[in-house]
Amino acid sequence: MASRLKKDPESIEATYRAEVADQEARCRVDPYNDALAEALVRRVARALAMRNVPLGIQVDDFGSTRIGSTDPEVRRLEGPFRRLVVG
């Protein structure tokens, strides 16, 4: 488990590959553009940051905060390219 929390090059690369696959499954990526590239950068950064918050709850001096499952900026950037699932 501790090795998964590391941010070594192999771990970052694995996270990158997982987010590329997820983006390809959810969006039309042909042709690939700057909005999708920026969304991918944000996806990877968020995934790496969330490794330190496995339950999605951040506790500080003021109480606890639930961290949302998606980034609003990723939704905005990928929105026009999202695939619609019917049925």
C-alpha atoms as a PDB file:
ATOM      1  CA  MET A   1       0.000   0.000   0.000  1.00  0.00           C
ATOM      2  CA  ALA A   2       2.753   2.443   0.900  1.00  0.00           C
ATOM      3  CA  SER A   3       4.336   2.014  -2.527  1.00  0.00           C
ATOM      4  CA  ARG A   4       1.100   3.185  -4.175  1.00  0.00           C
ATOM      5  CA  LEU A   5       1.303   6.472  -2.284  1.00  0.00           C
ATOM      6  CA  LYS A   6       4.712   7.265  -3.731  1.00  0.00           C
ATOM      7  CA  LYS A   7       4.987   9.739  -6.543  1.00  0.00           C
ATOM      8  CA  ASP A   8       7.852   8.017  -8.315  1.00  0.00           C
ATOM      9  CA  PRO A   9       8.023   8.105 -12.122  1.00  0.00           C
ATOM     10  CA  GLU A  10       6.484   4.626 -12.484  1.00  0.00           C
ATOM     11  CA  SER A  11       3.553   5.530 -10.263  1.00  0.00           C
ATOM     12  CA  ILE A  12       2.962   8.791 -12.110  1.00  0.00           C
ATOM     13  CA  GLU A  13       3.150   6.964 -15.443  1.00  0.00           C
ATOM     14  CA  ALA A  14       0.624   4.355 -14.268  1.00  0.00           C
ATOM     15  CA  THR A  15      -1.738   7.114 -13.135  1.00  0.00           C
ATOM     16  CA  TYR A  16      -1.283   8.902 -16.465  1.00  0.00           C
ATOM     17  CA  ARG A  17      -2.106   5.731 -18.434  1.00  0.00           C
ATOM     18  CA  ALA A  18      -5.209   5.079 -16.312  1.00  0.00           C
ATOM     19  CA  GLU A  19      -6.488   8.628 -16.834  1.00  0.00           C
ATOM     20  CA  VAL A  20      -5.794   8.481 -20.593  1.00  0.00           C
ATOM     21  CA  ALA A  21      -7.836   5.277 -20.808  1.00  0.00           C
ATOM     22  CA  ASP A  22     -10.664   6.787 -18.758  1.00  0.00           C
ATOM     23  CA  GLN A  23     -10.731   9.950 -20.864  1.00  0.00           C
ATOM     24  CA  GLU A  24     -10.781   7.900 -24.073  1.00  0.00           C
ATOM     25  CA  ALA A  25     -13.701   5.859 -22.725  1.00  0.00           C
ATOM     26  CA  ARG A  26     -15.719   8.947 -21.781  1.00  0.00           C
ATOM     27  CA  CYS A  27     -14.870  11.422 -24.551  1.00  0.00           C
ATOM     28  CA  ARG A  28     -14.520  11.675 -28.301  1.00  0.00           C
ATOM     29  CA  VAL A  29     -10.776  12.261 -28.567  1.00  0.00           C
ATOM     30  CA  ASP A  30     -10.326  12.398 -32.325  1.00  0.00           C
ATOM     31  CA  PRO A  31      -9.063  14.979 -33.041  1.00  0.00           C
ATOM     32  CA  TYR A  32      -7.283  15.573 -29.739  1.00  0.00           C
ATOM     33  CA  ASN A  33      -7.185  19.251 -28.769  1.00  0.00           C
ATOM     34  CA  ASP A  34      -5.873  21.668 -26.140  1.00  0.00           C
ATOM     35  CA  ALA A  35      -9.007  21.449 -23.962  1.00  0.00           C
ATOM     36  CA  LEU A  36      -8.727  17.670 -23.679  1.00  0.00           C
ATOM     37  CA  ALA A  37      -4.987  17.906 -23.010  1.00  0.00           C
ATOM     38  CA  GLU A  38      -5.556  20.414 -20.183  1.00  0.00           C
ATOM     39  CA  ALA A  39      -8.329  18.247 -18.749  1.00  0.00           C
ATOM     40  CA  LEU A  40      -5.955  15.269 -18.793  1.00  0.00           C
ATOM     41  CA  VAL A  41      -3.281  17.216 -16.900  1.00  0.00           C
ATOM     42  CA  ARG A  42      -5.874  18.151 -14.268  1.00  0.00           C
ATOM     43  CA  ARG A  43      -7.151  14.549 -14.087  1.00  0.00           C
ATOM     44  CA  VAL A  44      -3.652  13.210 -13.395  1.00  0.00           C
ATOM     45  CA  ALA A  45      -2.838  15.935 -10.849  1.00  0.00           C
ATOM     46  CA  ARG A  46      -6.100  15.290  -9.027  1.00  0.00           C
ATOM     47  CA  ALA A  47      -5.599  11.512  -9.004  1.00  0.00           C
ATOM     48  CA  LEU A  48      -2.105  11.904  -7.558  1.00  0.00           C
ATOM     49  CA  ALA A  49      -3.308  14.377  -4.927  1.00  0.00           C
ATOM     50  CA  MET A  50      -6.230  12.139  -3.947  1.00  0.00           C
ATOM     51  CA  ARG A  51      -3.832   9.348  -3.000  1.00  0.00           C
ATOM     52  CA  ASN A  52      -3.167  11.258   0.220  1.00  0.00           C
ATOM     53  CA  VAL A  53      -6.929  11.417   0.938  1.00  0.00           C
ATOM     54  CA  PRO A  54      -8.118   7.826   0.330  1.00  0.00           C
ATOM     55  CA  LEU A  55     -11.543   8.291   1.943  1.00  0.00           C
ATOM     56  CA  GLY A  56     -12.214  11.598   0.219  1.00  0.00           C
ATOM     57  CA  ILE A  57     -12.566  13.477   3.505  1.00  0.00           C
ATOM     58  CA  GLN A  58     -10.141  16.188   4.510  1.00  0.00           C
ATOM     59  CA  VAL A  59     -10.040  17.179   8.182  1.00  0.00           C
ATOM     60  CA  ASP A  60      -8.677  20.510   9.381  1.00  0.00           C
ATOM     61  CA  ASP A  61      -9.101  22.919  12.316  1.00  0.00           C
ATOM     62  CA  PHE A  62     -12.548  23.941  11.098  1.00  0.00           C
ATOM     63  CA  GLY A  63     -14.027  20.463  10.686  1.00  0.00           C
ATOM     64  CA  SER A  64     -14.169  18.005   7.839  1.00  0.00           C
ATOM     65  CA  THR A  65     -14.713  18.572   4.149  1.00  0.00           C
ATOM     66  CA  ARG A  66     -15.801  15.990   1.596  1.00  0.00           C
ATOM     67  CA  ILE A  67     -13.757  16.263  -1.542  1.00  0.00           C
ATOM     68  CA  GLY A  68     -15.885  15.902  -4.670  1.00  0.00           C
ATOM     69  CA  SER A  69     -15.365  13.001  -7.018  1.00  0.00           C
ATOM     70  CA  THR A  70     -14.869  15.176 -10.081  1.00  0.00           C
ATOM     71  CA  ASP A  71     -13.119  18.412 -10.877  1.00  0.00           C
ATOM     72  CA  PRO A  72     -15.465  21.134 -12.190  1.00  0.00           C
ATOM     73  CA  GLU A  73     -12.774  22.362 -14.569  1.00  0.00           C
ATOM     74  CA  VAL A  74     -12.378  18.867 -16.053  1.00  0.00           C
ATOM     75  CA  ARG A  75     -16.152  18.700 -16.559  1.00  0.00           C
ATOM     76  CA  ARG A  76     -16.081  22.101 -18.283  1.00  0.00           C
ATOM     77  CA  LEU A  77     -13.153  21.222 -20.550  1.00  0.00           C
ATOM     78  CA  GLU A  78     -14.404  17.758 -21.476  1.00  0.00           C
ATOM     79  CA  GLY A  79     -18.113  18.652 -21.618  1.00  0.00           C
ATOM     80  CA  PRO A  80     -18.325  19.374 -25.348  1.00  0.00           C
ATOM     81  CA  PHE A  81     -16.519  16.101 -26.121  1.00  0.00           C
ATOM     82  CA  ARG A  82     -18.390  13.761 -23.763  1.00  0.00           C
ATOM     83  CA  ARG A  83     -19.987  10.705 -25.292  1.00  0.00           C
ATOM     84  CA  LEU A  84     -23.677  10.275 -24.679  1.00  0.00           C
ATOM     85  CA  VAL A  85     -24.683   6.858 -23.403  1.00  0.00           C
ATOM     86  CA  VAL A  86     -28.157   5.770 -24.463  1.00  0.00           C
ATOM     87  CA  GLY A  87     -29.875   2.714 -23.078  1.00  0.00           C
END
